[in-house]
């Protein structure tokens, strides 16, 4: 198996989100996958995260992420972009980190795009 760049794994994970492809997400999640939202609410474990994504996709079928930059330092990908959704609270600028282990995502985290968060994540 060839190594995949962490940014490519993160981009594939997001493509699965944008397609509402639960099977695609499952293939890219580690068994101990963790999702953390912008309020630091955490869902732990692959099956719990897949159930959460199913519910999210049912509730917000038009949700999608658009990435403008992805950069990796070791196994952590820092992503800048925005989300689109008819629900105003889910639309607008956002930041993400994806922790990658080989071909899978061990953590997917969403952040509010604030100057403080940009400083913590090393985004200029």
PDB file of N, CA and C in Angstrom:
ATOM      1  N   UNK A   1       0.852  -1.188   0.000  1.00  0.00           N
ATOM      2  CA  UNK A   1       0.000   0.000   0.000  1.00  0.00           C
ATOM      3  C   UNK A   1       0.888   1.239   0.000  1.00  0.00           C
ATOM      4  N   UNK A   2       0.612   2.164  -0.882  1.00  0.00           N
ATOM      5  CA  UNK A   2       1.420   3.371  -0.954  1.00  0.00           C
ATOM      6  C   UNK A   2       0.896   4.409   0.025  1.00  0.00           C
ATOM      7  N   UNK A   3       1.807   5.195   0.536  1.00  0.00           N
ATOM      8  CA  UNK A   3       1.417   6.256   1.463  1.00  0.00           C
ATOM      9  C   UNK A   3       0.683   7.354   0.698  1.00  0.00           C
ATOM     10  N   UNK A   4      -0.313   7.888   1.317  1.00  0.00           N
ATOM     11  CA  UNK A   4      -1.077   8.970   0.727  1.00  0.00           C
ATOM     12  C   UNK A   4      -0.804  10.241   1.515  1.00  0.00           C
ATOM     13  N   UNK A   5      -0.656  11.334   0.806  1.00  0.00           N
ATOM     14  CA  UNK A   5      -0.458  12.611   1.474  1.00  0.00           C
ATOM     15  C   UNK A   5      -1.635  12.884   2.407  1.00  0.00           C
ATOM     16  N   UNK A   6      -1.362  13.368   3.623  1.00  0.00           N
ATOM     17  CA  UNK A   6      -2.453  13.669   4.557  1.00  0.00           C
ATOM     18  C   UNK A   6      -3.499  14.625   3.974  1.00  0.00           C
ATOM     19  N   UNK A   7      -3.055  15.603   3.166  1.00  0.00           N
ATOM     20  CA  UNK A   7      -4.025  16.540   2.589  1.00  0.00           C
ATOM     21  C   UNK A   7      -4.990  15.826   1.644  1.00  0.00           C
ATOM     22  N   UNK A   8      -4.494  14.812   0.931  1.00  0.00           N
ATOM     23  CA  UNK A   8      -5.360  14.062   0.007  1.00  0.00           C
ATOM     24  C   UNK A   8      -6.394  13.249   0.779  1.00  0.00           C
ATOM     25  N   UNK A   9      -5.992  12.663   1.912  1.00  0.00           N
ATOM     26  CA  UNK A   9      -6.935  11.911   2.736  1.00  0.00           C
ATOM     27  C   UNK A   9      -8.019  12.857   3.264  1.00  0.00           C
ATOM     28  N   UNK A  10      -7.606  14.022   3.757  1.00  0.00           N
ATOM     29  CA  UNK A  10      -8.577  15.000   4.270  1.00  0.00           C
ATOM     30  C   UNK A  10      -9.527  15.462   3.166  1.00  0.00           C
ATOM     31  N   UNK A  11      -9.002  15.679   1.975  1.00  0.00           N
ATOM     32  CA  UNK A  11      -9.846  16.111   0.855  1.00  0.00           C
ATOM     33  C   UNK A  11     -10.850  15.022   0.475  1.00  0.00           C
ATOM     34  N   UNK A  12     -10.424  13.760   0.490  1.00  0.00           N
ATOM     35  CA  UNK A  12     -11.352  12.658   0.195  1.00  0.00           C
ATOM     36  C   UNK A  12     -12.441  12.556   1.267  1.00  0.00           C
ATOM     37  N   UNK A  13     -12.057  12.763   2.520  1.00  0.00           N
ATOM     38  CA  UNK A  13     -13.035  12.735   3.610  1.00  0.00           C
ATOM     39  C   UNK A  13     -14.088  13.816   3.374  1.00  0.00           C
ATOM     40  N   UNK A  14     -13.638  15.021   3.037  1.00  0.00           N
ATOM     41  CA  UNK A  14     -14.582  16.106   2.779  1.00  0.00           C
ATOM     42  C   UNK A  14     -15.431  15.832   1.541  1.00  0.00           C
ATOM     43  N   UNK A  15     -14.859  15.222   0.520  1.00  0.00           N
ATOM     44  CA  UNK A  15     -15.658  14.862  -0.655  1.00  0.00           C
ATOM     45  C   UNK A  15     -16.801  13.925  -0.249  1.00  0.00           C
ATOM     46  N   UNK A  16     -16.516  13.005   0.674  1.00  0.00           N
ATOM     47  CA  UNK A  16     -17.573  12.107   1.161  1.00  0.00           C
ATOM     48  C   UNK A  16     -18.639  12.882   1.923  1.00  0.00           C
ATOM     49  N   UNK A  17     -18.220  13.875   2.714  1.00  0.00           N
ATOM     50  CA  UNK A  17     -19.203  14.724   3.406  1.00  0.00           C
ATOM     51  C   UNK A  17     -20.081  15.422   2.372  1.00  0.00           C
ATOM     52  N   UNK A  18     -19.452  16.035   1.375  1.00  0.00           N
ATOM     53  CA  UNK A  18     -20.206  16.806   0.391  1.00  0.00           C
ATOM     54  C   UNK A  18     -21.150  15.940  -0.448  1.00  0.00           C
ATOM     55  N   UNK A  19     -20.818  14.652  -0.596  1.00  0.00           N
ATOM     56  CA  UNK A  19     -21.691  13.729  -1.334  1.00  0.00           C
ATOM     57  C   UNK A  19     -22.679  13.020  -0.408  1.00  0.00           C
ATOM     58  N   UNK A  20     -22.589  13.310   0.901  1.00  0.00           N
ATOM     59  CA  UNK A  20     -23.422  12.628   1.907  1.00  0.00           C
ATOM     60  C   UNK A  20     -23.227  11.112   1.782  1.00  0.00           C
ATOM     61  N   UNK A  21     -21.974  10.710   1.623  1.00  0.00           N
ATOM     62  CA  UNK A  21     -21.581   9.327   1.371  1.00  0.00           C
ATOM     63  C   UNK A  21     -21.098   8.692   2.676  1.00  0.00           C
ATOM     64  N   UNK A  22     -22.023   8.071   3.408  1.00  0.00           N
ATOM     65  CA  UNK A  22     -21.682   7.474   4.700  1.00  0.00           C
ATOM     66  C   UNK A  22     -20.698   6.319   4.521  1.00  0.00           C
ATOM     67  N   UNK A  23     -20.858   5.516   3.471  1.00  0.00           N
ATOM     68  CA  UNK A  23     -19.918   4.415   3.225  1.00  0.00           C
ATOM     69  C   UNK A  23     -18.518   4.955   2.944  1.00  0.00           C
ATOM     70  N   UNK A  24     -18.438   6.042   2.215  1.00  0.00           N
ATOM     71  CA  UNK A  24     -17.142   6.666   1.948  1.00  0.00           C
ATOM     72  C   UNK A  24     -16.494   7.178   3.223  1.00  0.00           C
ATOM     73  N   UNK A  25     -17.304   7.793   4.091  1.00  0.00           N
ATOM     74  CA  UNK A  25     -16.775   8.250   5.377  1.00  0.00           C
ATOM     75  C   UNK A  25     -16.290   7.064   6.204  1.00  0.00           C
ATOM     76  N   UNK A  26     -17.078   5.984   6.226  1.00  0.00           N
ATOM     77  CA  UNK A  26     -16.711   4.800   7.004  1.00  0.00           C
ATOM     78  C   UNK A  26     -15.363   4.256   6.556  1.00  0.00           C
ATOM     79  N   UNK A  27     -15.128   4.246   5.247  1.00  0.00           N
ATOM     80  CA  UNK A  27     -13.872   3.716   4.713  1.00  0.00           C
ATOM     81  C   UNK A  27     -12.677   4.581   5.100  1.00  0.00           C
ATOM     82  N   UNK A  28     -12.932   5.843   5.402  1.00  0.00           N
ATOM     83  CA  UNK A  28     -11.846   6.781   5.724  1.00  0.00           C
ATOM     84  C   UNK A  28     -11.715   7.063   7.215  1.00  0.00           C
ATOM     85  N   UNK A  29     -12.551   6.446   8.059  1.00  0.00           N
ATOM     86  CA  UNK A  29     -12.504   6.665   9.506  1.00  0.00           C
ATOM     87  C   UNK A  29     -11.755   5.544  10.194  1.00  0.00           C
ATOM     88  N   UNK A  30     -10.952   5.907  11.179  1.00  0.00           N
ATOM     89  CA  UNK A  30     -10.361   4.902  12.059  1.00  0.00           C
ATOM     90  C   UNK A  30     -11.465   4.389  12.990  1.00  0.00           C
ATOM     91  N   UNK A  31     -11.262   3.219  13.572  1.00  0.00           N
ATOM     92  CA  UNK A  31     -12.263   2.678  14.500  1.00  0.00           C
ATOM     93  C   UNK A  31     -12.464   3.590  15.710  1.00  0.00           C
ATOM     94  N   UNK A  32     -11.393   4.292  16.104  1.00  0.00           N
ATOM     95  CA  UNK A  32     -11.489   5.204  17.252  1.00  0.00           C
ATOM     96  C   UNK A  32     -11.673   6.664  16.811  1.00  0.00           C
ATOM     97  N   UNK A  33     -12.228   6.855  15.624  1.00  0.00           N
ATOM     98  CA  UNK A  33     -12.451   8.197  15.065  1.00  0.00           C
ATOM     99  C   UNK A  33     -13.186   9.079  16.065  1.00  0.00           C
ATOM    100  N   UNK A  34     -12.830  10.350  16.031  1.00  0.00           N
ATOM    101  CA  UNK A  34     -13.458  11.340  16.910  1.00  0.00           C
ATOM    102  C   UNK A  34     -13.837  12.553  16.069  1.00  0.00           C
ATOM    103  N   UNK A  35     -15.058  13.061  16.279  1.00  0.00           N
ATOM    104  CA  UNK A  35     -15.525  14.295  15.646  1.00  0.00           C
ATOM    105  C   UNK A  35     -15.733  15.326  16.749  1.00  0.00           C
ATOM    106  N   UNK A  36     -15.206  16.530  16.540  1.00  0.00           N
ATOM    107  CA  UNK A  36     -15.374  17.614  17.505  1.00  0.00           C
ATOM    108  C   UNK A  36     -15.920  18.815  16.751  1.00  0.00           C
ATOM    109  N   UNK A  37     -17.062  19.328  17.209  1.00  0.00           N
ATOM    110  CA  UNK A  37     -17.662  20.474  16.515  1.00  0.00           C
ATOM    111  C   UNK A  37     -17.111  21.785  17.061  1.00  0.00           C
ATOM    112  N   UNK A  38     -17.591  22.887  16.503  1.00  0.00           N
ATOM    113  CA  UNK A  38     -17.060  24.211  16.838  1.00  0.00           C
ATOM    114  C   UNK A  38     -17.323  24.607  18.291  1.00  0.00           C
ATOM    115  N   UNK A  39     -18.261  23.931  18.958  1.00  0.00           N
ATOM    116  CA  UNK A  39     -18.517  24.204  20.372  1.00  0.00           C
ATOM    117  C   UNK A  39     -17.801  23.194  21.270  1.00  0.00           C
ATOM    118  N   UNK A  40     -16.929  22.391  20.693  1.00  0.00           N
ATOM    119  CA  UNK A  40     -16.137  21.369  21.391  1.00  0.00           C
ATOM    120  C   UNK A  40     -16.973  20.180  21.858  1.00  0.00           C
ATOM    121  N   UNK A  41     -18.170  20.002  21.280  1.00  0.00           N
ATOM    122  CA  UNK A  41     -18.935  18.781  21.527  1.00  0.00           C
ATOM    123  C   UNK A  41     -18.239  17.656  20.774  1.00  0.00           C
ATOM    124  N   UNK A  42     -18.099  16.506  21.419  1.00  0.00           N
ATOM    125  CA  UNK A  42     -17.331  15.407  20.849  1.00  0.00           C
ATOM    126  C   UNK A  42     -18.187  14.160  20.675  1.00  0.00           C
ATOM    127  N   UNK A  43     -18.027  13.524  19.518  1.00  0.00           N
ATOM    128  CA  UNK A  43     -18.601  12.208  19.266  1.00  0.00           C
ATOM    129  C   UNK A  43     -17.415  11.279  19.053  1.00  0.00           C
ATOM    130  N   UNK A  44     -17.363  10.177  19.811  1.00  0.00           N
ATOM    131  CA  UNK A  44     -16.224   9.266  19.750  1.00  0.00           C
ATOM    132  C   UNK A  44     -16.646   7.886  19.277  1.00  0.00           C
ATOM    133  N   UNK A  45     -15.796   7.296  18.435  1.00  0.00           N
ATOM    134  CA  UNK A  45     -16.030   5.960  17.914  1.00  0.00           C
ATOM    135  C   UNK A  45     -16.634   6.016  16.529  1.00  0.00           C
ATOM    136  N   UNK A  46     -16.149   5.135  15.665  1.00  0.00           N
ATOM    137  CA  UNK A  46     -16.578   5.121  14.270  1.00  0.00           C
ATOM    138  C   UNK A  46     -18.092   4.979  14.126  1.00  0.00           C
ATOM    139  N   UNK A  47     -18.697   4.006  14.806  1.00  0.00           N
ATOM    140  CA  UNK A  47     -20.140   3.782  14.634  1.00  0.00           C
ATOM    141  C   UNK A  47     -20.958   4.973  15.125  1.00  0.00           C
ATOM    142  N   UNK A  48     -20.561   5.571  16.253  1.00  0.00           N
ATOM    143  CA  UNK A  48     -21.276   6.746  16.771  1.00  0.00           C
ATOM    144  C   UNK A  48     -21.143   7.926  15.806  1.00  0.00           C
ATOM    145  N   UNK A  49     -19.956   8.071  15.220  1.00  0.00           N
ATOM    146  CA  UNK A  49     -19.753   9.176  14.268  1.00  0.00           C
ATOM    147  C   UNK A  49     -20.567   8.959  12.997  1.00  0.00           C
ATOM    148  N   UNK A  50     -20.623   7.725  12.507  1.00  0.00           N
ATOM    149  CA  UNK A  50     -21.421   7.443  11.312  1.00  0.00           C
ATOM    150  C   UNK A  50     -22.896   7.716  11.578  1.00  0.00           C
ATOM    151  N   UNK A  51     -23.382   7.335  12.755  1.00  0.00           N
ATOM    152  CA  UNK A  51     -24.779   7.615  13.111  1.00  0.00           C
ATOM    153  C   UNK A  51     -25.021   9.123  13.168  1.00  0.00           C
ATOM    154  N   UNK A  52     -24.057   9.859  13.719  1.00  0.00           N
ATOM    155  CA  UNK A  52     -24.193  11.317  13.790  1.00  0.00           C
ATOM    156  C   UNK A  52     -24.220  11.929  12.389  1.00  0.00           C
ATOM    157  N   UNK A  53     -23.357  11.451  11.491  1.00  0.00           N
ATOM    158  CA  UNK A  53     -23.363  11.965  10.112  1.00  0.00           C
ATOM    159  C   UNK A  53     -24.685  11.645   9.420  1.00  0.00           C
ATOM    160  N   UNK A  54     -25.216  10.438   9.609  1.00  0.00           N
ATOM    161  CA  UNK A  54     -26.511  10.104   8.988  1.00  0.00           C
ATOM    162  C   UNK A  54     -27.582  11.093   9.432  1.00  0.00           C
ATOM    163  N   UNK A  55     -27.662  11.353  10.729  1.00  0.00           N
ATOM    164  CA  UNK A  55     -28.641  12.300  11.248  1.00  0.00           C
ATOM    165  C   UNK A  55     -28.417  13.705  10.710  1.00  0.00           C
ATOM    166  N   UNK A  56     -27.151  14.108  10.634  1.00  0.00           N
ATOM    167  CA  UNK A  56     -26.813  15.436  10.127  1.00  0.00           C
ATOM    168  C   UNK A  56     -27.223  15.567   8.664  1.00  0.00           C
ATOM    169  N   UNK A  57     -26.905  14.556   7.859  1.00  0.00           N
ATOM    170  CA  UNK A  57     -27.263  14.606   6.440  1.00  0.00           C
ATOM    171  C   UNK A  57     -28.773  14.632   6.247  1.00  0.00           C
ATOM    172  N   UNK A  58     -29.517  13.911   7.069  1.00  0.00           N
ATOM    173  CA  UNK A  58     -30.983  13.937   6.991  1.00  0.00           C
ATOM    174  C   UNK A  58     -31.517  15.323   7.337  1.00  0.00           C
ATOM    175  N   UNK A  59     -30.924  15.944   8.350  1.00  0.00           N
ATOM    176  CA  UNK A  59     -31.398  17.255   8.805  1.00  0.00           C
ATOM    177  C   UNK A  59     -30.974  18.391   7.878  1.00  0.00           C
ATOM    178  N   UNK A  60     -29.805  18.264   7.265  1.00  0.00           N
ATOM    179  CA  UNK A  60     -29.235  19.351   6.455  1.00  0.00           C
ATOM    180  C   UNK A  60     -28.733  18.794   5.117  1.00  0.00           C
ATOM    181  N   UNK A  61     -29.635  18.404   4.228  1.00  0.00           N
ATOM    182  CA  UNK A  61     -29.222  17.737   2.987  1.00  0.00           C
ATOM    183  C   UNK A  61     -28.429  18.614   2.018  1.00  0.00           C
ATOM    184  N   UNK A  62     -28.469  19.919   2.203  1.00  0.00           N
ATOM    185  CA  UNK A  62     -27.746  20.804   1.281  1.00  0.00           C
ATOM    186  C   UNK A  62     -26.395  21.253   1.838  1.00  0.00           C
ATOM    187  N   UNK A  63     -25.991  20.734   2.986  1.00  0.00           N
ATOM    188  CA  UNK A  63     -24.729  21.146   3.610  1.00  0.00           C
ATOM    189  C   UNK A  63     -23.540  20.668   2.784  1.00  0.00           C
ATOM    190  N   UNK A  64     -22.560  21.546   2.643  1.00  0.00           N
ATOM    191  CA  UNK A  64     -21.295  21.161   2.008  1.00  0.00           C
ATOM    192  C   UNK A  64     -20.191  22.110   2.452  1.00  0.00           C
ATOM    193  N   UNK A  65     -18.960  21.600   2.396  1.00  0.00           N
ATOM    194  CA  UNK A  65     -17.771  22.378   2.743  1.00  0.00           C
ATOM    195  C   UNK A  65     -16.997  22.705   1.478  1.00  0.00           C
ATOM    196  N   UNK A  66     -16.490  23.915   1.434  1.00  0.00           N
ATOM    197  CA  UNK A  66     -15.617  24.340   0.344  1.00  0.00           C
ATOM    198  C   UNK A  66     -14.279  24.724   0.974  1.00  0.00           C
ATOM    199  N   UNK A  67     -13.218  24.044   0.560  1.00  0.00           N
ATOM    200  CA  UNK A  67     -11.896  24.310   1.102  1.00  0.00           C
ATOM    201  C   UNK A  67     -11.143  25.251   0.181  1.00  0.00           C
ATOM    202  N   UNK A  68     -10.494  26.265   0.777  1.00  0.00           N
ATOM    203  CA  UNK A  68      -9.669  27.172  -0.009  1.00  0.00           C
ATOM    204  C   UNK A  68      -8.189  26.858   0.145  1.00  0.00           C
ATOM    205  N   UNK A  69      -7.759  26.367   1.316  1.00  0.00           N
ATOM    206  CA  UNK A  69      -6.384  25.925   1.499  1.00  0.00           C
ATOM    207  C   UNK A  69      -6.334  24.730   2.439  1.00  0.00           C
ATOM    208  N   UNK A  70      -5.398  23.833   2.158  1.00  0.00           N
ATOM    209  CA  UNK A  70      -5.099  22.698   3.021  1.00  0.00           C
ATOM    210  C   UNK A  70      -3.587  22.653   3.177  1.00  0.00           C
ATOM    211  N   UNK A  71      -3.118  22.529   4.408  1.00  0.00           N
ATOM    212  CA  UNK A  71      -1.682  22.393   4.631  1.00  0.00           C
ATOM    213  C   UNK A  71      -1.457  21.383   5.744  1.00  0.00           C
ATOM    214  N   UNK A  72      -0.432  20.579   5.578  1.00  0.00           N
ATOM    215  CA  UNK A  72      -0.166  19.520   6.551  1.00  0.00           C
ATOM    216  C   UNK A  72       1.167  19.741   7.246  1.00  0.00           C
ATOM    217  N   UNK A  73       1.159  19.507   8.537  1.00  0.00           N
ATOM    218  CA  UNK A  73       2.374  19.408   9.327  1.00  0.00           C
ATOM    219  C   UNK A  73       2.316  18.041   9.980  1.00  0.00           C
ATOM    220  N   UNK A  74       3.208  17.174   9.548  1.00  0.00           N
ATOM    221  CA  UNK A  74       3.193  15.781   9.988  1.00  0.00           C
ATOM    222  C   UNK A  74       1.830  15.182   9.683  1.00  0.00           C
ATOM    223  N   UNK A  75       1.098  14.716  10.699  1.00  0.00           N
ATOM    224  CA  UNK A  75      -0.169  14.030  10.450  1.00  0.00           C
ATOM    225  C   UNK A  75      -1.394  14.907  10.655  1.00  0.00           C
ATOM    226  N   UNK A  76      -1.201  16.206  10.852  1.00  0.00           N
ATOM    227  CA  UNK A  76      -2.336  17.113  11.065  1.00  0.00           C
ATOM    228  C   UNK A  76      -2.487  18.051   9.869  1.00  0.00           C
ATOM    229  N   UNK A  77      -3.683  18.042   9.302  1.00  0.00           N
ATOM    230  CA  UNK A  77      -4.004  18.917   8.177  1.00  0.00           C
ATOM    231  C   UNK A  77      -4.832  20.084   8.710  1.00  0.00           C
ATOM    232  N   UNK A  78      -4.419  21.288   8.398  1.00  0.00           N
ATOM    233  CA  UNK A  78      -5.155  22.501   8.761  1.00  0.00           C
ATOM    234  C   UNK A  78      -5.835  23.006   7.502  1.00  0.00           C
ATOM    235  N   UNK A  79      -7.142  23.254   7.627  1.00  0.00           N
ATOM    236  CA  UNK A  79      -7.958  23.583   6.457  1.00  0.00           C
ATOM    237  C   UNK A  79      -8.678  24.906   6.692  1.00  0.00           C
ATOM    238  N   UNK A  80      -8.661  25.745   5.660  1.00  0.00           N
ATOM    239  CA  UNK A  80      -9.390  27.016   5.666  1.00  0.00           C
ATOM    240  C   UNK A  80     -10.442  26.938   4.573  1.00  0.00           C
ATOM    241  N   UNK A  81     -11.634  27.430   4.872  1.00  0.00           N
ATOM    242  CA  UNK A  81     -12.683  27.436   3.866  1.00  0.00           C
ATOM    243  C   UNK A  81     -13.977  27.958   4.430  1.00  0.00           C
ATOM    244  N   UNK A  82     -15.063  27.414   3.901  1.00  0.00           N
ATOM    245  CA  UNK A  82     -16.382  27.850   4.356  1.00  0.00           C
ATOM    246  C   UNK A  82     -17.376  26.726   4.096  1.00  0.00           C
ATOM    247  N   UNK A  83     -18.480  26.818   4.803  1.00  0.00           N
ATOM    248  CA  UNK A  83     -19.569  25.865   4.619  1.00  0.00           C
ATOM    249  C   UNK A  83     -20.737  26.570   3.967  1.00  0.00           C
ATOM    250  N   UNK A  84     -21.473  25.816   3.167  1.00  0.00           N
ATOM    251  CA  UNK A  84     -22.694  26.310   2.530  1.00  0.00           C
ATOM    252  C   UNK A  84     -23.858  25.479   3.042  1.00  0.00           C
ATOM    253  N   UNK A  85     -24.929  26.156   3.441  1.00  0.00           N
ATOM    254  CA  UNK A  85     -26.106  25.454   3.935  1.00  0.00           C
ATOM    255  C   UNK A  85     -27.240  26.463   4.045  1.00  0.00           C
ATOM    256  N   UNK A  86     -28.470  25.999   3.808  1.00  0.00           N
ATOM    257  CA  UNK A  86     -29.625  26.880   3.966  1.00  0.00           C
ATOM    258  C   UNK A  86     -29.804  27.296   5.426  1.00  0.00           C
ATOM    259  N   UNK A  87     -29.319  26.482   6.343  1.00  0.00           N
ATOM    260  CA  UNK A  87     -29.360  26.817   7.774  1.00  0.00           C
ATOM    261  C   UNK A  87     -28.251  27.831   8.052  1.00  0.00           C
ATOM    262  N   UNK A  88     -28.606  29.092   8.364  1.00  0.00           N
ATOM    263  CA  UNK A  88     -27.586  30.138   8.517  1.00  0.00           C
ATOM    264  C   UNK A  88     -26.502  29.807   9.546  1.00  0.00           C
ATOM    265  N   UNK A  89     -26.855  29.109  10.605  1.00  0.00           N
ATOM    266  CA  UNK A  89     -25.868  28.777  11.620  1.00  0.00           C
ATOM    267  C   UNK A  89     -24.796  27.815  11.140  1.00  0.00           C
ATOM    268  N   UNK A  90     -25.033  27.163  10.009  1.00  0.00           N
ATOM    269  CA  UNK A  90     -24.071  26.211   9.463  1.00  0.00           C
ATOM    270  C   UNK A  90     -23.364  26.735   8.221  1.00  0.00           C
ATOM    271  N   UNK A  91     -23.642  27.967   7.852  1.00  0.00           N
ATOM    272  CA  UNK A  91     -23.052  28.546   6.648  1.00  0.00           C
ATOM    273  C   UNK A  91     -22.045  29.623   7.028  1.00  0.00           C
ATOM    274  N   UNK A  92     -20.978  29.706   6.271  1.00  0.00           N
ATOM    275  CA  UNK A  92     -20.006  30.771   6.477  1.00  0.00           C
ATOM    276  C   UNK A  92     -18.602  30.245   6.677  1.00  0.00           C
ATOM    277  N   UNK A  93     -17.678  31.161   6.964  1.00  0.00           N
ATOM    278  CA  UNK A  93     -16.278  30.802   7.108  1.00  0.00           C
ATOM    279  C   UNK A  93     -16.079  29.769   8.214  1.00  0.00           C
ATOM    280  N   UNK A  94     -15.139  28.878   8.003  1.00  0.00           N
ATOM    281  CA  UNK A  94     -14.832  27.867   9.010  1.00  0.00           C
ATOM    282  C   UNK A  94     -13.394  27.406   8.848  1.00  0.00           C
ATOM    283  N   UNK A  95     -12.904  26.787   9.897  1.00  0.00           N
ATOM    284  CA  UNK A  95     -11.585  26.173   9.908  1.00  0.00           C
ATOM    285  C   UNK A  95     -11.768  24.729  10.356  1.00  0.00           C
ATOM    286  N   UNK A  96     -10.898  23.856   9.887  1.00  0.00           N
ATOM    287  CA  UNK A  96     -10.946  22.455  10.270  1.00  0.00           C
ATOM    288  C   UNK A  96      -9.529  21.972  10.529  1.00  0.00           C
ATOM    289  N   UNK A  97      -9.433  20.929  11.337  1.00  0.00           N
ATOM    290  CA  UNK A  97      -8.213  20.132  11.375  1.00  0.00           C
ATOM    291  C   UNK A  97      -8.625  18.684  11.169  1.00  0.00           C
ATOM    292  N   UNK A  98      -7.764  17.957  10.503  1.00  0.00           N
ATOM    293  CA  UNK A  98      -7.950  16.522  10.308  1.00  0.00           C
ATOM    294  C   UNK A  98      -6.655  15.849  10.744  1.00  0.00           C
ATOM    295  N   UNK A  99      -6.770  14.917  11.673  1.00  0.00           N
ATOM    296  CA  UNK A  99      -5.603  14.142  12.088  1.00  0.00           C
ATOM    297  C   UNK A  99      -5.641  12.835  11.316  1.00  0.00           C
ATOM    298  N   UNK A 100      -4.558  12.561  10.623  1.00  0.00           N
ATOM    299  CA  UNK A 100      -4.501  11.447   9.680  1.00  0.00           C
ATOM    300  C   UNK A 100      -3.532  10.380  10.199  1.00  0.00           C
ATOM    301  N   UNK A 101      -3.925   9.123  10.046  1.00  0.00           N
ATOM    302  CA  UNK A 101      -3.044   7.996  10.357  1.00  0.00           C
ATOM    303  C   UNK A 101      -3.045   7.092   9.131  1.00  0.00           C
ATOM    304  N   UNK A 102      -2.045   7.257   8.300  1.00  0.00           N
ATOM    305  CA  UNK A 102      -1.964   6.480   7.066  1.00  0.00           C
ATOM    306  C   UNK A 102      -3.046   6.883   6.092  1.00  0.00           C
ATOM    307  N   UNK A 103      -4.029   6.002   5.916  1.00  0.00           N
ATOM    308  CA  UNK A 103      -5.107   6.241   4.946  1.00  0.00           C
ATOM    309  C   UNK A 103      -6.432   6.621   5.609  1.00  0.00           C
ATOM    310  N   UNK A 104      -6.419   6.830   6.940  1.00  0.00           N
ATOM    311  CA  UNK A 104      -7.672   7.119   7.640  1.00  0.00           C
ATOM    312  C   UNK A 104      -7.573   8.383   8.483  1.00  0.00           C
ATOM    313  N   UNK A 105      -8.737   8.930   8.780  1.00  0.00           N
ATOM    314  CA  UNK A 105      -8.859  10.118   9.621  1.00  0.00           C
ATOM    315  C   UNK A 105      -9.178   9.648  11.040  1.00  0.00           C
ATOM    316  N   UNK A 106      -8.342  10.050  11.992  1.00  0.00           N
ATOM    317  CA  UNK A 106      -8.600   9.687  13.386  1.00  0.00           C
ATOM    318  C   UNK A 106      -9.382  10.772  14.114  1.00  0.00           C
ATOM    319  N   UNK A 107      -9.252  12.029  13.639  1.00  0.00           N
ATOM    320  CA  UNK A 107     -10.036  13.123  14.229  1.00  0.00           C
ATOM    321  C   UNK A 107     -10.369  14.150  13.166  1.00  0.00           C
ATOM    322  N   UNK A 108     -11.642  14.575  13.157  1.00  0.00           N
ATOM    323  CA  UNK A 108     -12.133  15.641  12.284  1.00  0.00           C
ATOM    324  C   UNK A 108     -12.692  16.710  13.210  1.00  0.00           C
ATOM    325  N   UNK A 109     -12.118  17.905  13.157  1.00  0.00           N
ATOM    326  CA  UNK A 109     -12.536  18.957  14.081  1.00  0.00           C
ATOM    327  C   UNK A 109     -12.873  20.221  13.315  1.00  0.00           C
ATOM    328  N   UNK A 110     -13.956  20.850  13.730  1.00  0.00           N
ATOM    329  CA  UNK A 110     -14.431  22.097  13.128  1.00  0.00           C
ATOM    330  C   UNK A 110     -14.215  23.232  14.126  1.00  0.00           C
ATOM    331  N   UNK A 111     -13.786  24.377  13.619  1.00  0.00           N
ATOM    332  CA  UNK A 111     -13.559  25.553  14.455  1.00  0.00           C
ATOM    333  C   UNK A 111     -14.264  26.760  13.842  1.00  0.00           C
ATOM    334  N   UNK A 112     -14.675  27.684  14.690  1.00  0.00           N
ATOM    335  CA  UNK A 112     -15.106  28.995  14.203  1.00  0.00           C
ATOM    336  C   UNK A 112     -13.869  29.693  13.653  1.00  0.00           C
ATOM    337  N   UNK A 113     -14.038  30.425  12.573  1.00  0.00           N
ATOM    338  CA  UNK A 113     -12.916  31.144  11.958  1.00  0.00           C
ATOM    339  C   UNK A 113     -12.749  32.474  12.673  1.00  0.00           C
ATOM    340  N   UNK A 114     -11.908  32.479  13.691  1.00  0.00           N
ATOM    341  CA  UNK A 114     -11.635  33.698  14.467  1.00  0.00           C
ATOM    342  C   UNK A 114     -10.136  33.983  14.428  1.00  0.00           C
ATOM    343  N   UNK A 115      -9.756  35.223  14.672  1.00  0.00           N
ATOM    344  CA  UNK A 115      -8.314  35.530  14.730  1.00  0.00           C
ATOM    345  C   UNK A 115      -7.586  34.686  15.774  1.00  0.00           C
ATOM    346  N   UNK A 116      -8.236  34.435  16.903  1.00  0.00           N
ATOM    347  CA  UNK A 116      -7.610  33.642  17.965  1.00  0.00           C
ATOM    348  C   UNK A 116      -7.354  32.205  17.495  1.00  0.00           C
ATOM    349  N   UNK A 117      -8.347  31.610  16.856  1.00  0.00           N
ATOM    350  CA  UNK A 117      -8.178  30.241  16.375  1.00  0.00           C
ATOM    351  C   UNK A 117      -7.140  30.182  15.273  1.00  0.00           C
ATOM    352  N   UNK A 118      -7.156  31.160  14.388  1.00  0.00           N
ATOM    353  CA  UNK A 118      -6.128  31.206  13.336  1.00  0.00           C
ATOM    354  C   UNK A 118      -4.728  31.258  13.946  1.00  0.00           C
ATOM    355  N   UNK A 119      -4.561  32.035  15.013  1.00  0.00           N
ATOM    356  CA  UNK A 119      -3.253  32.130  15.659  1.00  0.00           C
ATOM    357  C   UNK A 119      -2.857  30.782  16.257  1.00  0.00           C
ATOM    358  N   UNK A 120      -3.778  30.127  16.936  1.00  0.00           N
ATOM    359  CA  UNK A 120      -3.495  28.818  17.542  1.00  0.00           C
ATOM    360  C   UNK A 120      -3.116  27.793  16.478  1.00  0.00           C
ATOM    361  N   UNK A 121      -3.811  27.832  15.332  1.00  0.00           N
ATOM    362  CA  UNK A 121      -3.556  26.860  14.264  1.00  0.00           C
ATOM    363  C   UNK A 121      -2.406  27.264  13.341  1.00  0.00           C
ATOM    364  N   UNK A 122      -1.836  28.453  13.569  1.00  0.00           N
ATOM    365  CA  UNK A 122      -0.710  28.890  12.759  1.00  0.00           C
ATOM    366  C   UNK A 122      -1.098  29.341  11.357  1.00  0.00           C
ATOM    367  N   UNK A 123      -2.308  29.867  11.235  1.00  0.00           N
ATOM    368  CA  UNK A 123      -2.785  30.350   9.935  1.00  0.00           C
ATOM    369  C   UNK A 123      -2.522  31.843   9.863  1.00  0.00           C
ATOM    370  N   UNK A 124      -1.828  32.281   8.815  1.00  0.00           N
ATOM    371  CA  UNK A 124      -1.478  33.699   8.669  1.00  0.00           C
ATOM    372  C   UNK A 124      -2.640  34.562   8.279  1.00  0.00           C
TER     373      UNK A 124
END
